[in-house]
Amino acid sequence: MLKKVLFLMISFSLFVFAADAELDIIKKSVNLPKIEISVSSGAAKMPLTQKVKQLVENDLKVSGHFDVIDTTEVVDFNSTPNMLALSNRGTDLFLNIDSSISGFGGYSVLIKLYDINLKKLVFYKTLTTAKEERYPFLAHRTAIAVNQHLNAPSIDWMDKFVIFSQYKSAKKADIIIADYTLTFQQEVIKGGLNIFPKWADRKKGDFYYTTYDRGVPTLVKTNLYTRKRETIMKSEGMVVASDVNSDGTKLLVTASPESQPDIYMYDTRTRNKIKLTNYKGIDVGAHFVENDTKIVFVSDRLGYPNIFSKKIKDRGVERLVYHGRNNSSATTYKDYVVYTSRDKDNEFGGFAFNLYLMSTKSDYLKRLTSNGSNQFPKFSEDGESIIFIKNVNGRSSVGIIRLNYDKSFLFPLKNGKIQSIDW
């Protein structure tokens, strides 16, 4: 019954989304299923397993599909929880987490999910990693499994790598892969200045990034696992991969071989490139929009950075944003654009960089953030979430905005500063 109710609630919300053609669903009056999460009294490496529990709680909160209840309940993994007590305090689901260590040093998480309304165990699962430091992904997979059991909209993106460039010192930045909370991190490119990483396709096996080869900006494609390296393009002024189309065959690149940066479209199969803009100023940061028929990009055509669009096969350019005097980055999903705009932060004249959501086919506009410096937004593959960088007092955090739930979350980077990010 619980699964059916939640499924109908989500289906109704998605119907409203489709009818209104807006990414603006706020679930204010929905009764979300209440879930308690416990660590079994016999769990191996108890402090580590407690961290797994905390991450699972966080994931379920980020999903927007659960009401996570704090609990002090401790139940042996081989015992059944007190269903009556749980029911009396309004709990719908009870998740018990256990763990074990293999003889090869691997770490396993065992989970049991109880439906309190049905008064029975509804699933049991074991998740294993060979490397203990990857325990955050066991937590994310646990949350995904619970979410799938209720037929809620997918949160599979939680189990995928994000990739970012982290400044280490002057002219030094490394490329790092991480889980979306930054709990797990691993350097994949280090030494020198390596910036603007961009996944090459949805498989997330290859990625592009910009490095400096003997002082010349160079766009490189690298495989995450084999480290096979391929030079795509060099440009004296700058060269940055900003977007890839849905099948990974077309790449949008900002390059400046003729002193001023312009937008190029690079065919990954033929290795041919086409110049899409030809302006005696700055055109940068292009993204595909409207089924890859148009691009959205940043230009200083007005004397300051603003957001423009153009059809790939046409010469004409259209202004998209009519507020702010510093709109310096954008991301796209289907017909939607999220962009950065500098706004007055308060009545004393301070400034903030906020994120705004707009449609290319209507006058819809919504502000997504309210303070601080919020930069480099990126849509998730399903268009339901935005990842971005928030900088406060010289420190970076990864921000996640769940558009359909009107919620946002921050995950701070402990050291250094994030230059750019992709997921």
Protein backbone atom coordinates (compact mmCIF):
# COMPACT_ATOMS: atom_id res chain seq x y z
CA MET A 1 0.00 0.00 0.00
CA LEU A 2 2.84 2.42 0.91
CA LYS A 3 4.51 1.83 -2.46
CA LYS A 4 1.24 2.44 -4.30
CA VAL A 5 0.51 5.70 -2.47
CA LEU A 6 4.00 7.10 -3.07
CA PHE A 7 3.92 6.05 -6.71
CA LEU A 8 0.58 7.82 -7.24
CA MET A 9 1.89 10.93 -5.47
CA ILE A 10 5.00 11.06 -7.67
CA SER A 11 2.99 10.33 -10.83
CA PHE A 12 0.59 13.19 -10.02
CA SER A 13 3.53 15.55 -9.46
CA LEU A 14 5.08 14.60 -12.78
CA PHE A 15 1.72 15.11 -14.50
CA VAL A 16 1.57 18.63 -13.06
CA PHE A 17 5.12 19.22 -14.33
CA ALA A 18 4.20 18.10 -17.83
CA ALA A 19 1.01 20.15 -17.92
CA ASP A 20 2.59 23.38 -16.71
CA ALA A 21 5.83 22.92 -18.67
CA GLU A 22 7.72 24.29 -15.69
CA LEU A 23 10.46 22.95 -13.47
CA ASP A 24 8.68 24.37 -10.46
CA ILE A 25 7.04 21.67 -8.37
CA ILE A 26 7.09 22.28 -4.63
CA LYS A 27 5.82 19.39 -2.54
CA LYS A 28 4.46 21.21 0.52
CA SER A 29 1.53 19.10 1.62
CA VAL A 30 2.63 15.58 0.66
CA ASN A 31 2.83 12.99 3.44
CA LEU A 32 6.19 11.41 2.75
CA PRO A 33 6.90 7.95 4.20
CA LYS A 34 8.66 8.18 7.55
CA ILE A 35 11.81 6.07 7.78
CA GLU A 36 14.10 5.22 10.70
CA ILE A 37 17.63 3.95 10.11
CA SER A 38 19.58 1.89 12.63
CA VAL A 39 23.01 0.25 12.79
CA SER A 40 22.94 -3.33 14.04
CA SER A 41 24.53 -3.94 17.44
CA GLY A 42 26.88 -6.52 15.88
CA ALA A 43 28.17 -4.44 12.96
CA ALA A 44 31.86 -4.73 12.13
CA LYS A 45 33.91 -1.49 12.20
CA MET A 46 31.14 0.34 14.02
CA PRO A 47 32.50 3.90 13.46
CA LEU A 48 32.70 3.27 9.70
CA THR A 49 29.23 1.75 9.59
CA GLN A 50 27.87 4.77 11.50
CA LYS A 51 29.30 6.93 8.69
CA VAL A 52 27.44 4.77 6.18
CA LYS A 53 24.23 5.32 8.13
CA GLN A 54 24.75 9.09 8.15
CA LEU A 55 25.30 9.11 4.39
CA VAL A 56 22.18 7.00 3.78
CA GLU A 57 20.14 9.42 5.90
CA ASN A 58 21.57 12.32 3.93
CA ASP A 59 20.86 10.63 0.58
CA LEU A 60 17.24 9.96 1.46
CA LYS A 61 16.80 13.59 2.55
CA VAL A 62 18.38 14.80 -0.71
CA SER A 63 16.08 12.51 -2.71
CA GLY A 64 13.03 14.43 -1.48
CA HIS A 65 11.06 11.19 -1.25
CA PHE A 66 11.39 10.41 2.48
CA ASP A 67 10.89 11.93 5.90
CA VAL A 68 13.98 10.71 7.77
CA ILE A 69 13.36 10.36 11.52
CA ASP A 70 16.15 10.49 14.09
CA THR A 71 16.25 7.32 16.15
CA THR A 72 18.16 5.69 18.98
CA GLU A 73 16.75 2.26 18.10
CA VAL A 74 19.38 -0.51 17.99
CA VAL A 75 18.33 -3.94 16.74
CA ASP A 76 20.44 -7.04 16.25
CA PHE A 77 20.55 -7.84 12.53
CA ASN A 78 19.14 -11.32 13.07
CA SER A 79 16.23 -10.03 15.16
CA THR A 80 12.97 -8.36 14.13
CA PRO A 81 12.40 -4.76 15.29
CA ASN A 82 9.52 -3.92 17.61
CA MET A 83 6.84 -3.33 14.99
CA LEU A 84 4.23 -2.11 17.48
CA ALA A 85 6.52 0.52 19.00
CA LEU A 86 7.56 1.74 15.55
CA SER A 87 3.95 1.87 14.38
CA ASN A 88 2.86 3.80 17.48
CA ARG A 89 5.32 6.59 16.70
CA GLY A 90 4.17 6.79 13.08
CA THR A 91 7.15 5.11 11.40
CA ASP A 92 6.44 3.55 7.99
CA LEU A 93 9.83 2.00 7.18
CA PHE A 94 12.69 0.69 9.29
CA LEU A 95 16.12 0.12 7.74
CA ASN A 96 18.66 -1.94 9.69
CA ILE A 97 22.31 -1.81 8.58
CA ASP A 98 24.95 -4.41 9.36
CA SER A 99 28.51 -4.79 8.06
CA SER A 100 31.31 -7.32 7.72
CA ILE A 101 34.95 -7.53 6.64
CA SER A 102 36.06 -10.14 4.10
CA GLY A 103 39.28 -12.11 4.33
CA PHE A 104 40.62 -10.07 1.39
CA GLY A 105 40.12 -6.73 3.12
CA GLY A 106 36.84 -5.90 1.42
CA TYR A 107 33.98 -4.22 3.22
CA SER A 108 30.33 -5.30 2.97
CA VAL A 109 27.14 -3.57 4.03
CA LEU A 110 24.09 -5.73 4.71
CA ILE A 111 20.67 -4.11 4.79
CA LYS A 112 17.18 -5.19 5.82
CA LEU A 113 14.15 -3.02 5.11
CA TYR A 114 10.96 -3.56 7.10
CA ASP A 115 7.54 -2.21 6.11
CA ILE A 116 5.98 -1.40 9.48
CA ASN A 117 2.47 -1.07 8.06
CA LEU A 118 2.69 -4.56 6.55
CA LYS A 119 4.61 -5.78 9.62
CA LYS A 120 7.15 -7.71 7.60
CA LEU A 121 10.64 -7.71 6.05
CA VAL A 122 10.32 -6.48 2.46
CA PHE A 123 13.89 -6.86 1.25
CA TYR A 124 17.38 -7.98 2.25
CA LYS A 125 20.50 -7.05 0.32
CA THR A 126 24.31 -7.20 0.56
CA LEU A 127 26.55 -4.55 -1.01
CA THR A 128 30.32 -5.00 -1.21
CA THR A 129 33.40 -2.99 -2.15
CA ALA A 130 36.97 -4.24 -2.47
CA LYS A 131 38.31 -0.88 -1.29
CA GLU A 132 37.12 0.31 2.10
CA GLU A 133 37.61 3.98 1.23
CA ARG A 134 34.79 3.65 -1.32
CA TYR A 135 32.24 3.07 1.43
CA PRO A 136 30.28 6.23 0.43
CA PHE A 137 29.13 4.43 -2.70
CA LEU A 138 27.78 1.56 -0.59
CA ALA A 139 25.71 4.15 1.26
CA HIS A 140 24.49 5.69 -2.00
CA ARG A 141 23.54 2.24 -3.37
CA THR A 142 21.65 1.52 -0.17
CA ALA A 143 19.61 4.70 -0.57
CA ILE A 144 19.00 3.89 -4.24
CA ALA A 145 17.76 0.38 -3.30
CA VAL A 146 15.31 1.78 -0.72
CA ASN A 147 14.14 4.41 -3.20
CA GLN A 148 13.62 1.81 -5.94
CA HIS A 149 11.58 -0.36 -3.60
CA LEU A 150 9.02 2.44 -3.35
CA ASN A 151 9.01 3.02 -7.12
CA ALA A 152 10.04 6.63 -6.55
CA PRO A 153 11.73 8.67 -9.32
CA SER A 154 15.31 7.53 -9.88
CA ILE A 155 18.20 8.81 -7.78
CA ASP A 156 20.76 6.64 -9.59
CA TRP A 157 22.94 9.73 -10.14
CA MET A 158 24.04 9.41 -6.51
CA ASP A 159 26.11 6.34 -7.43
CA LYS A 160 28.11 8.11 -10.15
CA PHE A 161 31.34 10.06 -10.05
CA VAL A 162 31.52 13.82 -10.17
CA ILE A 163 34.73 15.25 -11.60
CA PHE A 164 36.28 18.57 -10.64
CA SER A 165 39.44 20.62 -10.81
CA GLN A 166 40.93 21.66 -7.47
CA TYR A 167 43.42 24.52 -7.14
CA LYS A 168 46.46 23.43 -5.14
CA SER A 169 48.65 26.51 -5.48
CA ALA A 170 49.63 29.12 -8.05
CA LYS A 171 49.41 27.59 -11.56
CA LYS A 172 48.72 24.15 -10.10
CA ALA A 173 45.39 22.36 -10.21
CA ASP A 174 44.56 18.65 -10.12
CA ILE A 175 41.63 16.73 -11.60
CA ILE A 176 39.73 14.71 -8.98
CA ILE A 177 36.85 12.23 -9.10
CA ALA A 178 34.53 12.03 -6.11
CA ASP A 179 31.09 11.01 -4.95
CA TYR A 180 28.62 13.89 -4.99
CA THR A 181 29.09 14.58 -1.25
CA LEU A 182 32.91 14.81 -1.67
CA THR A 183 33.32 12.17 1.06
CA PHE A 184 35.27 9.96 -1.36
CA GLN A 185 37.95 11.66 -3.47
CA GLN A 186 40.68 10.36 -5.77
CA GLU A 187 43.19 12.31 -7.85
CA VAL A 188 43.25 11.21 -11.48
CA ILE A 189 45.37 13.97 -13.08
CA LYS A 190 48.01 15.82 -11.09
CA GLY A 191 51.00 18.04 -11.73
CA GLY A 192 50.72 21.39 -13.55
CA LEU A 193 47.58 23.37 -14.29
CA ASN A 194 44.68 21.06 -15.22
CA ILE A 195 41.28 22.73 -15.43
CA PHE A 196 37.73 22.54 -16.82
CA PRO A 197 37.10 18.76 -16.73
CA LYS A 198 34.11 17.56 -18.75
CA TRP A 199 32.75 14.02 -19.07
CA ALA A 200 32.97 12.81 -22.67
CA ASP A 201 29.68 10.85 -22.57
CA ARG A 202 27.12 9.37 -20.21
CA LYS A 203 29.26 6.29 -19.53
CA LYS A 204 31.75 8.53 -17.67
CA GLY A 205 34.74 6.50 -18.75
CA ASP A 206 36.43 9.29 -20.73
CA PHE A 207 36.74 12.97 -19.92
CA TYR A 208 38.10 16.14 -21.48
CA TYR A 209 40.17 18.73 -19.67
CA THR A 210 42.44 21.67 -20.43
CA THR A 211 46.12 21.52 -19.54
CA TYR A 212 49.16 23.60 -20.43
CA ASP A 213 51.61 21.79 -22.70
CA ARG A 214 54.81 23.86 -22.74
CA GLY A 215 52.74 26.94 -21.98
CA VAL A 216 50.14 26.33 -24.72
CA PRO A 217 46.53 25.59 -23.64
CA THR A 218 45.75 22.08 -24.83
CA LEU A 219 42.43 20.21 -24.82
CA VAL A 220 43.01 16.57 -23.91
CA LYS A 221 40.76 13.51 -23.81
CA THR A 222 41.72 10.85 -21.25
CA ASN A 223 40.29 7.50 -20.21
CA LEU A 224 39.62 7.27 -16.49
CA TYR A 225 40.74 3.64 -16.24
CA THR A 226 43.46 3.10 -18.88
CA ARG A 227 44.76 6.71 -18.78
CA LYS A 228 45.04 6.63 -22.57
CA ARG A 229 45.60 10.24 -23.64
CA GLU A 230 44.53 11.98 -26.86
CA THR A 231 45.19 15.60 -27.83
CA ILE A 232 42.04 17.16 -29.31
CA MET A 233 43.03 20.76 -29.95
CA LYS A 234 45.58 23.44 -29.06
CA SER A 235 45.01 27.18 -28.98
CA GLU A 236 47.38 29.96 -27.94
CA GLY A 237 44.84 31.99 -25.97
CA MET A 238 42.45 29.43 -24.46
CA VAL A 239 40.75 26.14 -25.25
CA VAL A 240 37.93 24.66 -23.11
CA ALA A 241 35.36 21.90 -23.70
CA SER A 242 32.02 23.21 -22.43
CA ASP A 243 29.40 20.69 -23.57
CA VAL A 244 28.90 17.32 -25.26
CA ASN A 245 25.76 16.25 -27.10
CA SER A 246 23.67 13.29 -25.96
CA ASP A 247 25.58 10.60 -27.91
CA GLY A 248 29.03 12.09 -27.37
CA THR A 249 29.69 12.74 -31.07
CA LYS A 250 29.63 16.54 -30.98
CA LEU A 251 31.73 18.68 -28.65
CA LEU A 252 31.36 22.42 -28.07
CA VAL A 253 34.74 24.10 -27.56
CA THR A 254 35.76 27.64 -26.73
CA ALA A 255 39.06 28.42 -28.50
CA SER A 256 40.96 31.55 -29.46
CA PRO A 257 43.45 30.75 -32.24
CA GLU A 258 42.85 34.24 -33.64
CA SER A 259 43.24 36.17 -30.36
CA GLN A 260 39.50 36.45 -29.52
CA PRO A 261 37.62 33.43 -28.13
CA ASP A 262 34.87 31.92 -30.28
CA ILE A 263 32.67 28.82 -30.18
CA TYR A 264 33.57 25.77 -32.26
CA MET A 265 31.73 22.49 -32.75
CA TYR A 266 34.08 19.50 -32.93
CA ASP A 267 33.01 16.16 -34.47
CA THR A 268 34.59 13.39 -32.38
CA ARG A 269 34.30 10.88 -35.27
CA THR A 270 35.75 12.90 -38.14
CA ARG A 271 37.88 15.25 -35.98
CA ASN A 272 36.57 18.17 -38.04
CA LYS A 273 35.58 21.43 -36.39
CA ILE A 274 33.14 24.15 -37.43
CA LYS A 275 33.30 27.74 -36.20
CA LEU A 276 29.86 28.68 -34.84
CA THR A 277 30.49 32.30 -33.77
CA ASN A 278 32.59 34.99 -35.40
CA TYR A 279 32.49 38.05 -33.16
CA LYS A 280 35.31 40.52 -32.47
CA GLY A 281 34.88 40.11 -28.75
CA ILE A 282 34.29 37.29 -26.29
CA ASP A 283 32.06 34.26 -26.96
CA VAL A 284 32.55 31.42 -24.45
CA GLY A 285 30.92 28.55 -22.55
CA ALA A 286 28.46 27.19 -25.13
CA HIS A 287 25.86 24.48 -24.38
CA PHE A 288 23.47 22.62 -26.66
CA VAL A 289 19.76 23.37 -26.30
CA GLU A 290 16.49 22.39 -28.00
CA ASN A 291 17.61 18.94 -29.19
CA ASP A 292 21.06 20.14 -30.24
CA THR A 293 19.63 22.55 -32.83
CA LYS A 294 20.78 25.66 -30.96
CA ILE A 295 23.50 26.75 -28.58
CA VAL A 296 23.38 28.98 -25.53
CA PHE A 297 26.59 30.86 -24.70
CA VAL A 298 28.12 33.79 -22.83
CA SER A 299 29.17 36.90 -24.78
CA ASP A 300 30.26 40.49 -24.06
CA ARG A 301 28.30 41.87 -27.02
CA LEU A 302 26.59 44.35 -24.67
CA GLY A 303 29.84 45.46 -23.08
CA TYR A 304 29.43 42.99 -20.19
CA PRO A 305 28.84 39.21 -19.96
CA ASN A 306 25.33 38.13 -20.89
CA ILE A 307 23.56 35.01 -22.15
CA PHE A 308 22.77 34.61 -25.85
CA SER A 309 21.56 31.86 -28.16
CA LYS A 310 21.81 31.04 -31.85
CA LYS A 311 20.69 28.29 -34.17
CA ILE A 312 23.66 26.19 -35.21
CA LYS A 313 22.89 26.58 -38.92
CA ASP A 314 22.04 30.31 -38.79
CA ARG A 315 24.13 33.44 -38.31
CA GLY A 316 21.68 35.44 -36.19
CA VAL A 317 22.14 35.77 -32.42
CA GLU A 318 19.38 36.25 -29.83
CA ARG A 319 19.71 37.80 -26.37
CA LEU A 320 18.15 35.57 -23.70
CA VAL A 321 18.65 37.41 -20.39
CA TYR A 322 17.42 40.92 -19.67
CA HIS A 323 18.51 41.50 -16.08
CA GLY A 324 21.89 41.79 -14.37
CA ARG A 325 25.15 43.10 -15.77
CA ASN A 326 27.32 40.05 -15.20
CA ASN A 327 25.82 36.77 -16.39
CA SER A 328 28.94 34.69 -16.70
CA SER A 329 27.99 31.00 -17.01
CA ALA A 330 25.09 28.80 -18.06
CA THR A 331 23.93 25.20 -18.38
CA THR A 332 21.09 23.64 -20.37
CA TYR A 333 18.59 20.78 -20.35
CA LYS A 334 16.15 20.41 -23.26
CA ASP A 335 14.54 23.89 -23.42
CA TYR A 336 15.73 25.09 -20.01
CA VAL A 337 18.68 27.23 -19.04
CA VAL A 338 20.21 27.86 -15.62
CA TYR A 339 22.57 30.82 -15.58
CA THR A 340 24.63 32.86 -13.13
CA SER A 341 23.78 36.52 -12.52
CA ARG A 342 25.40 39.12 -10.29
CA ASP A 343 22.79 40.68 -7.99
CA LYS A 344 22.84 43.13 -5.12
CA ASP A 345 23.19 41.03 -1.98
CA ASN A 346 21.70 43.51 0.48
CA GLU A 347 20.68 47.10 1.03
CA PHE A 348 24.28 48.08 1.85
CA GLY A 349 25.42 47.49 -1.72
CA GLY A 350 27.13 44.09 -1.52
CA PHE A 351 26.92 41.68 -4.46
CA ALA A 352 26.06 38.02 -4.83
CA PHE A 353 26.18 35.67 -7.80
CA ASN A 354 22.84 33.85 -7.92
CA LEU A 355 21.46 31.11 -10.14
CA TYR A 356 18.32 31.57 -12.23
CA LEU A 357 16.18 29.06 -14.14
CA MET A 358 14.54 30.11 -17.41
CA SER A 359 12.90 28.58 -20.47
CA THR A 360 13.92 29.32 -24.06
CA LYS A 361 10.29 28.92 -25.14
CA SER A 362 8.46 31.08 -22.61
CA ASP A 363 8.98 33.99 -20.22
CA TYR A 364 9.32 31.63 -17.23
CA LEU A 365 12.01 32.77 -14.76
CA LYS A 366 12.85 31.65 -11.24
CA ARG A 367 15.71 32.48 -8.88
CA LEU A 368 17.28 29.35 -7.37
CA THR A 369 19.75 30.81 -4.85
CA SER A 370 19.61 33.87 -2.60
CA ASN A 371 23.11 34.72 -1.39
CA GLY A 372 26.83 34.13 -1.78
CA SER A 373 28.82 33.31 -4.90
CA ASN A 374 27.14 30.52 -6.88
CA GLN A 375 28.94 29.58 -10.08
CA PHE A 376 29.35 26.93 -12.81
CA PRO A 377 25.89 25.28 -12.66
CA LYS A 378 25.40 21.93 -14.40
CA PHE A 379 22.13 20.07 -15.01
CA SER A 380 21.91 16.40 -14.09
CA GLU A 381 21.19 13.95 -16.92
CA ASP A 382 17.52 13.75 -15.97
CA GLY A 383 17.14 17.52 -15.61
CA GLU A 384 15.82 17.24 -12.03
CA SER A 385 18.91 18.55 -10.24
CA ILE A 386 21.60 21.20 -10.52
CA ILE A 387 25.16 20.89 -9.25
CA PHE A 388 27.11 24.11 -8.72
CA ILE A 389 30.07 25.64 -6.87
CA LYS A 390 29.47 27.94 -3.92
CA ASN A 391 32.40 30.01 -2.65
CA VAL A 392 32.24 31.67 0.77
CA ASN A 393 35.25 33.27 2.52
CA GLY A 394 37.69 31.60 0.16
CA ARG A 395 36.27 28.10 0.70
CA SER A 396 34.41 26.00 -1.86
CA SER A 397 31.36 23.79 -1.46
CA VAL A 398 29.47 21.66 -3.92
CA GLY A 399 25.81 22.64 -4.03
CA ILE A 400 22.94 20.41 -5.14
CA ILE A 401 19.55 21.91 -6.01
CA ARG A 402 16.64 19.46 -6.31
CA LEU A 403 14.46 21.45 -8.68
CA ASN A 404 11.27 19.44 -8.32
CA TYR A 405 11.42 19.61 -4.53
CA ASP A 406 12.59 23.20 -4.00
CA LYS A 407 15.45 22.01 -1.78
CA SER A 408 19.19 22.67 -1.82
CA PHE A 409 22.15 21.09 -0.04
CA LEU A 410 25.82 22.03 0.43
CA PHE A 411 28.85 19.73 0.74
CA PRO A 412 32.06 21.61 1.67
CA LEU A 413 35.50 20.85 0.27
CA LYS A 414 37.86 20.48 3.21
CA ASN A 415 40.96 21.85 1.48
CA GLY A 416 41.66 24.02 -1.52
CA LYS A 417 39.22 25.59 -3.94
CA ILE A 418 37.13 24.09 -6.73
CA GLN A 419 37.85 25.59 -10.14
CA SER A 420 35.08 23.84 -12.12
CA ILE A 421 32.93 20.70 -11.86
CA ASP A 422 30.91 18.24 -13.94
CA TRP A 423 28.70 15.23 -13.24
